[in-house]
Structures are given as structure tokens and as C-alpha cells.
């Protein structure tokens, strides 16, 4: 399996509000930047979308080191919360509905294809790729707001 690095971030202007996401895929010396957004969304939806779009861009199963500043994404995967929510009909342990089941479903399906290792980093703390992903996300939602 190829070993790929994936850096992601999501951002919102208001929560909910206009949102954007950014992702950087790196394989050896090759890099690919991706970005997108929605006019009305939440920060957590953009964080999830960044990971989904990054993994979806891979053309074959890969070993992926995912670097994210989202505890929601990192813990949802590494602590098995999302798997548990899915098993329980998208209900959390307190029986309340899990948020963003549509995106978690897509992400869990992608995690069955790729072997993903989670690396959490503190946001806005100078991590170069995390900062670049944040800029991509903010640039995208800024364009949405200017429409």
C-alpha cells in the first residue's frame, strides 16, 4: 500500500454560516490541494467534509496519516464513537441523535478502504500544513460570502 499524508481543516464564518474546507494530499514529493465549501453549514461538517474529500481523491487503498486539528473528527474515529453511533442507529450513548450521520457514514465507509492513522494537532499553532488548509478553507468561504 502507498503511504500518503492527508492534512485537513474546516472553517466557518458563523456557526452555522458560510463554511469552507481545505485538504492537502502528499505522496512523496507530490502534493495536491483541494478545497470547497457551502453557503450554510457548520464547522464540524466542514471538518468532516475535508477528510471525506481528501480520502475520496485517492485512487486506490492507501495507508494514510491524517493530520487534523478537529477533536470531533479525531476522537470520533480513534475512540470509536462514530462506529458506535452507527451500530446504535445514529444514537449516542445518552440516546440523543448523533450529529452529521450522513457525513460520518461516508467517512466510515472510506475508513474501510484505507488504513488511516490519526494525528491530532492544535489548530492555529503554527503547523504549516494545518495553517495552509485553514487558509484554503477561509478563502473558499470568503468567496461564497462575496456572491
N, C-alpha and C. Protein backbone atom coordinates (compact mmCIF):
# COMPACT_ATOMS: atom_id res chain seq x y z
N UNK A 1 0.83 -1.19 0.00
CA UNK A 1 0.00 0.00 0.00
C UNK A 1 0.87 1.25 0.00
N UNK A 2 0.43 2.23 -0.78
CA UNK A 2 1.13 3.51 -0.76
C UNK A 2 0.84 4.21 0.56
N UNK A 3 1.84 4.94 1.05
CA UNK A 3 1.68 5.72 2.28
C UNK A 3 1.51 7.19 1.88
N UNK A 4 0.40 7.76 2.28
CA UNK A 4 0.02 9.11 1.89
C UNK A 4 -0.22 9.93 3.14
N UNK A 5 0.13 11.21 3.08
CA UNK A 5 -0.20 12.13 4.17
C UNK A 5 -1.40 12.95 3.73
N UNK A 6 -2.35 13.15 4.65
CA UNK A 6 -3.53 13.96 4.40
C UNK A 6 -3.65 14.98 5.53
N UNK A 7 -3.65 16.25 5.17
CA UNK A 7 -3.81 17.33 6.13
C UNK A 7 -5.15 17.98 5.83
N UNK A 8 -5.95 18.26 6.86
CA UNK A 8 -7.28 18.81 6.62
C UNK A 8 -7.63 19.90 7.64
N UNK A 9 -8.55 20.76 7.23
CA UNK A 9 -9.13 21.73 8.14
C UNK A 9 -10.46 22.21 7.58
N UNK A 10 -11.33 22.60 8.48
CA UNK A 10 -12.60 23.19 8.12
C UNK A 10 -12.74 24.50 8.86
N UNK A 11 -13.52 25.42 8.30
CA UNK A 11 -13.71 26.72 8.93
C UNK A 11 -15.09 27.25 8.57
N UNK A 12 -15.62 28.06 9.46
CA UNK A 12 -16.93 28.67 9.25
C UNK A 12 -16.89 30.13 9.66
N UNK A 13 -17.68 30.94 8.96
CA UNK A 13 -17.89 32.32 9.35
C UNK A 13 -19.29 32.37 9.95
N UNK A 14 -19.34 32.26 11.27
CA UNK A 14 -20.59 31.98 11.95
C UNK A 14 -20.71 30.47 12.05
N UNK A 15 -21.43 29.98 13.00
CA UNK A 15 -21.55 28.53 13.15
C UNK A 15 -22.98 28.22 13.63
N UNK A 16 -23.94 28.08 12.73
CA UNK A 16 -23.77 27.88 11.28
C UNK A 16 -23.53 29.19 10.53
N UNK A 17 -23.04 29.00 9.33
CA UNK A 17 -22.77 30.12 8.44
C UNK A 17 -22.07 29.61 7.20
N UNK A 18 -21.50 30.52 6.44
CA UNK A 18 -20.71 30.12 5.27
C UNK A 18 -19.49 29.35 5.75
N UNK A 19 -19.20 28.25 5.10
CA UNK A 19 -18.08 27.42 5.54
C UNK A 19 -17.22 26.96 4.40
N UNK A 20 -16.00 26.61 4.74
CA UNK A 20 -15.06 26.09 3.76
C UNK A 20 -14.22 25.00 4.37
N UNK A 21 -13.62 24.22 3.51
CA UNK A 21 -12.70 23.17 3.95
C UNK A 21 -11.49 23.17 3.02
N UNK A 22 -10.39 22.70 3.56
CA UNK A 22 -9.17 22.58 2.78
C UNK A 22 -8.49 21.26 3.11
N UNK A 23 -7.84 20.70 2.11
CA UNK A 23 -7.11 19.45 2.30
C UNK A 23 -5.85 19.46 1.44
N UNK A 24 -4.81 18.87 1.97
CA UNK A 24 -3.56 18.68 1.22
C UNK A 24 -3.23 17.20 1.26
N UNK A 25 -3.07 16.61 0.08
CA UNK A 25 -2.61 15.23 -0.04
C UNK A 25 -1.15 15.26 -0.45
N UNK A 26 -0.34 14.44 0.21
CA UNK A 26 1.08 14.38 -0.11
C UNK A 26 1.50 12.93 -0.26
N UNK A 27 2.14 12.64 -1.41
CA UNK A 27 2.72 11.33 -1.66
C UNK A 27 4.12 11.59 -2.18
N UNK A 28 5.11 11.26 -1.34
CA UNK A 28 6.49 11.58 -1.71
C UNK A 28 6.64 13.08 -1.87
N UNK A 29 7.10 13.51 -3.05
CA UNK A 29 7.29 14.94 -3.30
C UNK A 29 6.07 15.57 -3.99
N UNK A 30 5.06 14.76 -4.30
CA UNK A 30 3.88 15.28 -4.98
C UNK A 30 2.85 15.75 -3.95
N UNK A 31 2.25 16.90 -4.23
CA UNK A 31 1.19 17.43 -3.37
C UNK A 31 0.01 17.84 -4.23
N UNK A 32 -1.16 17.69 -3.64
CA UNK A 32 -2.39 18.13 -4.29
C UNK A 32 -3.22 18.86 -3.25
N UNK A 33 -3.68 20.07 -3.57
CA UNK A 33 -4.54 20.84 -2.68
C UNK A 33 -5.97 20.75 -3.17
N UNK A 34 -6.89 20.61 -2.23
CA UNK A 34 -8.31 20.55 -2.52
C UNK A 34 -9.02 21.53 -1.60
N UNK A 35 -10.12 22.10 -2.08
CA UNK A 35 -10.92 22.95 -1.21
C UNK A 35 -12.34 23.02 -1.74
N UNK A 36 -13.23 23.44 -0.86
CA UNK A 36 -14.63 23.58 -1.21
C UNK A 36 -15.37 24.20 -0.06
N UNK A 37 -16.67 24.24 -0.16
CA UNK A 37 -17.44 24.81 0.93
C UNK A 37 -18.91 24.83 0.64
N UNK A 38 -19.66 25.40 1.57
CA UNK A 38 -21.10 25.51 1.46
C UNK A 38 -21.53 26.86 2.02
N UNK A 39 -22.63 27.38 1.48
CA UNK A 39 -23.11 28.70 1.92
C UNK A 39 -23.67 28.66 3.34
N UNK A 40 -24.24 27.53 3.76
CA UNK A 40 -24.83 27.42 5.10
C UNK A 40 -24.46 26.06 5.67
N UNK A 41 -23.58 26.06 6.67
CA UNK A 41 -23.06 24.81 7.22
C UNK A 41 -22.53 25.05 8.62
N UNK A 42 -21.86 24.04 9.17
CA UNK A 42 -21.22 24.18 10.47
C UNK A 42 -19.74 23.84 10.36
N UNK A 43 -18.99 24.25 11.35
CA UNK A 43 -17.57 23.95 11.37
C UNK A 43 -17.32 22.44 11.36
N UNK A 44 -18.05 21.70 12.18
CA UNK A 44 -17.83 20.25 12.23
C UNK A 44 -18.15 19.58 10.90
N UNK A 45 -19.17 20.06 10.20
CA UNK A 45 -19.47 19.49 8.88
C UNK A 45 -18.32 19.76 7.91
N UNK A 46 -17.70 20.92 8.01
CA UNK A 46 -16.58 21.23 7.12
C UNK A 46 -15.35 20.41 7.48
N UNK A 47 -15.13 20.18 8.77
CA UNK A 47 -14.01 19.33 9.20
C UNK A 47 -14.18 17.92 8.63
N UNK A 48 -15.37 17.37 8.76
CA UNK A 48 -15.65 16.03 8.23
C UNK A 48 -15.53 16.00 6.71
N UNK A 49 -16.06 17.02 6.06
CA UNK A 49 -16.02 17.05 4.60
C UNK A 49 -14.60 17.10 4.08
N UNK A 50 -13.73 17.83 4.76
CA UNK A 50 -12.32 17.90 4.33
C UNK A 50 -11.69 16.51 4.32
N UNK A 51 -11.95 15.74 5.36
CA UNK A 51 -11.39 14.38 5.43
C UNK A 51 -12.01 13.49 4.35
N UNK A 52 -13.32 13.57 4.21
CA UNK A 52 -14.01 12.76 3.21
C UNK A 52 -13.50 13.06 1.81
N UNK A 53 -13.35 14.32 1.48
CA UNK A 53 -12.90 14.69 0.14
C UNK A 53 -11.45 14.30 -0.09
N UNK A 54 -10.63 14.43 0.93
CA UNK A 54 -9.23 14.01 0.81
C UNK A 54 -9.12 12.51 0.56
N UNK A 55 -9.83 11.72 1.36
CA UNK A 55 -9.78 10.26 1.19
C UNK A 55 -10.42 9.84 -0.13
N UNK A 56 -11.48 10.54 -0.54
CA UNK A 56 -12.17 10.20 -1.79
C UNK A 56 -11.30 10.47 -3.01
N UNK A 57 -10.34 11.36 -2.89
CA UNK A 57 -9.47 11.68 -4.01
C UNK A 57 -8.43 10.59 -4.28
N UNK A 58 -8.25 9.68 -3.33
CA UNK A 58 -7.28 8.60 -3.52
C UNK A 58 -7.84 7.56 -4.48
N UNK A 59 -7.02 7.14 -5.42
CA UNK A 59 -7.48 6.25 -6.49
C UNK A 59 -7.35 4.77 -6.15
N UNK A 60 -6.72 4.47 -5.02
CA UNK A 60 -6.55 3.08 -4.60
C UNK A 60 -6.43 3.06 -3.08
N UNK A 61 -6.63 1.90 -2.46
CA UNK A 61 -6.47 1.82 -1.00
C UNK A 61 -5.05 2.23 -0.59
N UNK A 62 -4.97 3.04 0.44
CA UNK A 62 -3.67 3.57 0.89
C UNK A 62 -3.57 3.53 2.41
N UNK A 63 -2.34 3.57 2.88
CA UNK A 63 -2.07 3.88 4.29
C UNK A 63 -2.03 5.40 4.36
N UNK A 64 -2.85 5.97 5.23
CA UNK A 64 -2.99 7.42 5.29
C UNK A 64 -2.68 7.91 6.69
N UNK A 65 -1.79 8.88 6.78
CA UNK A 65 -1.59 9.60 8.04
C UNK A 65 -2.41 10.87 7.92
N UNK A 66 -3.50 10.92 8.69
CA UNK A 66 -4.42 12.06 8.67
C UNK A 66 -4.04 13.02 9.78
N UNK A 67 -3.70 14.25 9.42
CA UNK A 67 -3.41 15.29 10.41
C UNK A 67 -4.57 16.28 10.41
N UNK A 68 -5.22 16.40 11.56
CA UNK A 68 -6.38 17.26 11.72
C UNK A 68 -6.28 18.01 13.04
N UNK A 69 -6.90 19.19 13.09
CA UNK A 69 -6.98 19.91 14.36
C UNK A 69 -8.36 19.74 15.00
N UNK A 70 -9.17 18.87 14.41
CA UNK A 70 -10.52 18.66 14.91
C UNK A 70 -10.57 17.49 15.90
N UNK A 71 -10.83 17.81 17.17
CA UNK A 71 -11.01 16.74 18.16
C UNK A 71 -12.27 15.92 17.82
N UNK A 72 -13.27 16.60 17.27
CA UNK A 72 -14.51 15.92 16.87
C UNK A 72 -14.20 14.80 15.88
N UNK A 73 -13.42 15.09 14.86
CA UNK A 73 -13.05 14.09 13.87
C UNK A 73 -12.08 13.07 14.47
N UNK A 74 -11.02 13.55 15.11
CA UNK A 74 -10.00 12.65 15.65
C UNK A 74 -10.60 11.68 16.67
N UNK A 75 -11.37 12.19 17.62
CA UNK A 75 -11.96 11.33 18.65
C UNK A 75 -13.07 10.46 18.08
N UNK A 76 -13.85 11.02 17.17
CA UNK A 76 -14.92 10.23 16.56
C UNK A 76 -14.41 8.98 15.88
N UNK A 77 -13.21 9.08 15.30
CA UNK A 77 -12.60 7.92 14.64
C UNK A 77 -11.82 7.08 15.65
N UNK A 78 -10.83 7.69 16.30
CA UNK A 78 -9.89 6.92 17.11
C UNK A 78 -10.51 6.32 18.36
N UNK A 79 -11.51 6.98 18.91
CA UNK A 79 -12.16 6.44 20.11
C UNK A 79 -13.36 5.56 19.78
N UNK A 80 -13.62 5.40 18.48
CA UNK A 80 -14.69 4.50 18.05
C UNK A 80 -16.09 5.04 18.23
N UNK A 81 -16.21 6.34 18.50
CA UNK A 81 -17.54 6.91 18.74
C UNK A 81 -18.43 6.75 17.51
N UNK A 82 -17.90 7.09 16.34
CA UNK A 82 -18.73 7.05 15.12
C UNK A 82 -19.20 5.63 14.82
N UNK A 83 -18.32 4.65 15.00
CA UNK A 83 -18.72 3.25 14.80
C UNK A 83 -19.85 2.88 15.76
N UNK A 84 -19.73 3.32 16.99
CA UNK A 84 -20.75 3.05 18.00
C UNK A 84 -22.07 3.73 17.64
N UNK A 85 -21.99 4.98 17.19
CA UNK A 85 -23.21 5.69 16.80
C UNK A 85 -23.91 4.95 15.67
N UNK A 86 -23.12 4.48 14.71
CA UNK A 86 -23.72 3.77 13.57
C UNK A 86 -24.39 2.48 14.04
N UNK A 87 -23.70 1.73 14.89
CA UNK A 87 -24.27 0.47 15.42
C UNK A 87 -25.58 0.73 16.17
N UNK A 88 -25.67 1.89 16.81
CA UNK A 88 -26.84 2.23 17.63
C UNK A 88 -27.86 3.08 16.87
N UNK A 89 -27.87 2.96 15.54
CA UNK A 89 -28.84 3.69 14.74
C UNK A 89 -28.65 5.20 14.79
N UNK A 90 -27.39 5.63 14.83
CA UNK A 90 -27.00 7.03 14.89
C UNK A 90 -27.53 7.72 16.15
N UNK A 91 -27.44 6.96 17.24
CA UNK A 91 -27.75 7.48 18.57
C UNK A 91 -26.48 7.43 19.41
N UNK A 92 -26.29 8.46 20.22
CA UNK A 92 -25.15 8.50 21.13
C UNK A 92 -25.49 7.69 22.38
N UNK A 93 -24.52 7.56 23.27
CA UNK A 93 -24.71 6.78 24.50
C UNK A 93 -25.86 7.32 25.33
N UNK A 94 -26.08 8.64 25.27
CA UNK A 94 -27.17 9.25 26.04
C UNK A 94 -28.51 9.16 25.31
N UNK A 95 -28.53 8.40 24.21
CA UNK A 95 -29.73 8.16 23.38
C UNK A 95 -30.13 9.35 22.51
N UNK A 96 -29.40 10.46 22.59
CA UNK A 96 -29.68 11.61 21.74
C UNK A 96 -29.13 11.31 20.34
N UNK A 97 -29.72 11.93 19.32
CA UNK A 97 -29.23 11.69 17.96
C UNK A 97 -27.78 12.17 17.78
N UNK A 98 -26.99 11.38 17.09
CA UNK A 98 -25.64 11.81 16.72
C UNK A 98 -25.76 12.85 15.62
N UNK A 99 -24.90 13.84 15.65
CA UNK A 99 -24.91 14.88 14.64
C UNK A 99 -24.16 14.43 13.39
N UNK A 100 -24.57 14.90 12.26
CA UNK A 100 -23.90 14.67 10.97
C UNK A 100 -23.79 13.21 10.56
N UNK A 101 -24.85 12.41 10.77
CA UNK A 101 -24.74 10.98 10.43
C UNK A 101 -24.46 10.74 8.94
N UNK A 102 -24.95 11.63 8.06
CA UNK A 102 -24.70 11.47 6.63
C UNK A 102 -23.21 11.51 6.33
N UNK A 103 -22.50 12.45 6.95
CA UNK A 103 -21.06 12.57 6.71
C UNK A 103 -20.27 11.48 7.41
N UNK A 104 -20.67 11.15 8.63
CA UNK A 104 -19.98 10.07 9.34
C UNK A 104 -20.12 8.76 8.58
N UNK A 105 -21.28 8.52 8.00
CA UNK A 105 -21.49 7.29 7.22
C UNK A 105 -20.50 7.22 6.06
N UNK A 106 -20.37 8.32 5.32
CA UNK A 106 -19.42 8.37 4.21
C UNK A 106 -17.99 8.15 4.70
N UNK A 107 -17.65 8.80 5.81
CA UNK A 107 -16.30 8.67 6.33
C UNK A 107 -16.01 7.24 6.80
N UNK A 108 -16.95 6.64 7.50
CA UNK A 108 -16.74 5.27 7.96
C UNK A 108 -16.57 4.32 6.78
N UNK A 109 -17.31 4.53 5.70
CA UNK A 109 -17.15 3.70 4.51
C UNK A 109 -15.74 3.84 3.94
N UNK A 110 -15.22 5.07 3.91
CA UNK A 110 -13.87 5.30 3.41
C UNK A 110 -12.81 4.69 4.33
N UNK A 111 -13.09 4.67 5.63
CA UNK A 111 -12.14 4.07 6.57
C UNK A 111 -12.06 2.56 6.41
N UNK A 112 -13.04 1.96 5.76
CA UNK A 112 -12.98 0.52 5.46
C UNK A 112 -12.08 0.25 4.26
N UNK A 113 -11.85 1.26 3.44
CA UNK A 113 -10.99 1.13 2.25
C UNK A 113 -9.53 1.44 2.59
N UNK A 114 -9.33 2.50 3.34
CA UNK A 114 -7.99 2.98 3.65
C UNK A 114 -7.63 2.69 5.10
N UNK A 115 -6.35 2.45 5.32
CA UNK A 115 -5.84 2.28 6.69
C UNK A 115 -5.39 3.67 7.16
N UNK A 116 -6.15 4.24 8.10
CA UNK A 116 -5.92 5.63 8.49
C UNK A 116 -5.39 5.72 9.91
N UNK A 117 -4.30 6.44 10.04
CA UNK A 117 -3.71 6.77 11.35
C UNK A 117 -4.01 8.24 11.62
N UNK A 118 -4.52 8.52 12.81
CA UNK A 118 -4.91 9.89 13.17
C UNK A 118 -3.77 10.59 13.90
N UNK A 119 -3.49 11.80 13.46
CA UNK A 119 -2.52 12.66 14.15
C UNK A 119 -3.22 13.99 14.44
N UNK A 120 -3.55 14.24 15.71
CA UNK A 120 -4.21 15.49 16.07
C UNK A 120 -3.16 16.54 16.36
N UNK A 121 -3.40 17.76 15.85
CA UNK A 121 -2.54 18.90 16.13
C UNK A 121 -3.41 20.05 16.63
N UNK A 122 -2.84 20.89 17.44
CA UNK A 122 -3.55 22.07 17.92
C UNK A 122 -3.71 23.05 16.76
N UNK A 123 -4.92 23.54 16.57
CA UNK A 123 -5.19 24.49 15.50
C UNK A 123 -4.59 25.86 15.78
N UNK A 124 -4.26 26.57 14.72
CA UNK A 124 -3.73 27.93 14.80
C UNK A 124 -2.50 28.01 15.72
N UNK A 125 -1.68 26.97 15.63
CA UNK A 125 -0.49 26.91 16.48
C UNK A 125 0.79 26.83 15.64
N UNK A 126 0.69 27.18 14.36
CA UNK A 126 1.89 27.26 13.54
C UNK A 126 2.23 26.01 12.76
N UNK A 127 1.40 24.96 12.80
CA UNK A 127 1.67 23.77 11.99
C UNK A 127 1.48 24.17 10.52
N UNK A 128 2.53 24.11 9.70
CA UNK A 128 2.48 24.70 8.35
C UNK A 128 1.32 24.18 7.48
N UNK A 129 1.14 22.87 7.42
CA UNK A 129 0.08 22.33 6.57
C UNK A 129 -1.30 22.63 7.13
N UNK A 130 -1.44 22.60 8.45
CA UNK A 130 -2.72 22.94 9.07
C UNK A 130 -3.07 24.39 8.78
N UNK A 131 -2.10 25.26 8.87
CA UNK A 131 -2.32 26.68 8.57
C UNK A 131 -2.71 26.86 7.10
N UNK A 132 -2.06 26.12 6.20
CA UNK A 132 -2.39 26.22 4.77
C UNK A 132 -3.81 25.72 4.52
N UNK A 133 -4.20 24.63 5.15
CA UNK A 133 -5.57 24.12 4.99
C UNK A 133 -6.58 25.13 5.51
N UNK A 134 -6.26 25.79 6.61
CA UNK A 134 -7.14 26.81 7.15
C UNK A 134 -7.30 27.96 6.14
N UNK A 135 -6.19 28.37 5.53
CA UNK A 135 -6.26 29.45 4.53
C UNK A 135 -7.13 29.03 3.34
N UNK A 136 -6.98 27.79 2.89
CA UNK A 136 -7.80 27.29 1.78
C UNK A 136 -9.28 27.35 2.14
N UNK A 137 -9.60 26.93 3.36
CA UNK A 137 -10.99 26.91 3.83
C UNK A 137 -11.55 28.33 3.92
N UNK A 138 -10.79 29.22 4.53
CA UNK A 138 -11.24 30.60 4.70
C UNK A 138 -11.39 31.30 3.34
N UNK A 139 -10.44 31.07 2.44
CA UNK A 139 -10.53 31.65 1.09
C UNK A 139 -11.82 31.21 0.41
N UNK A 140 -12.17 29.93 0.58
CA UNK A 140 -13.37 29.43 -0.10
C UNK A 140 -14.63 30.05 0.48
N UNK A 141 -14.75 30.08 1.82
CA UNK A 141 -16.00 30.63 2.35
C UNK A 141 -16.07 32.15 2.15
N UNK A 142 -14.92 32.80 2.06
CA UNK A 142 -14.92 34.24 1.78
C UNK A 142 -15.51 34.50 0.40
N UNK A 143 -15.15 33.68 -0.58
CA UNK A 143 -15.71 33.81 -1.93
C UNK A 143 -17.22 33.57 -1.91
N UNK A 144 -17.67 32.60 -1.12
CA UNK A 144 -19.10 32.33 -1.02
C UNK A 144 -19.85 33.53 -0.46
N UNK A 145 -19.26 34.19 0.53
CA UNK A 145 -19.90 35.33 1.17
C UNK A 145 -19.94 36.55 0.25
N UNK A 146 -19.02 36.62 -0.71
CA UNK A 146 -18.95 37.77 -1.62
C UNK A 146 -19.96 37.68 -2.74
N UNK A 147 -20.58 36.52 -2.92
CA UNK A 147 -21.57 36.33 -4.00
C UNK A 147 -22.75 37.25 -3.82
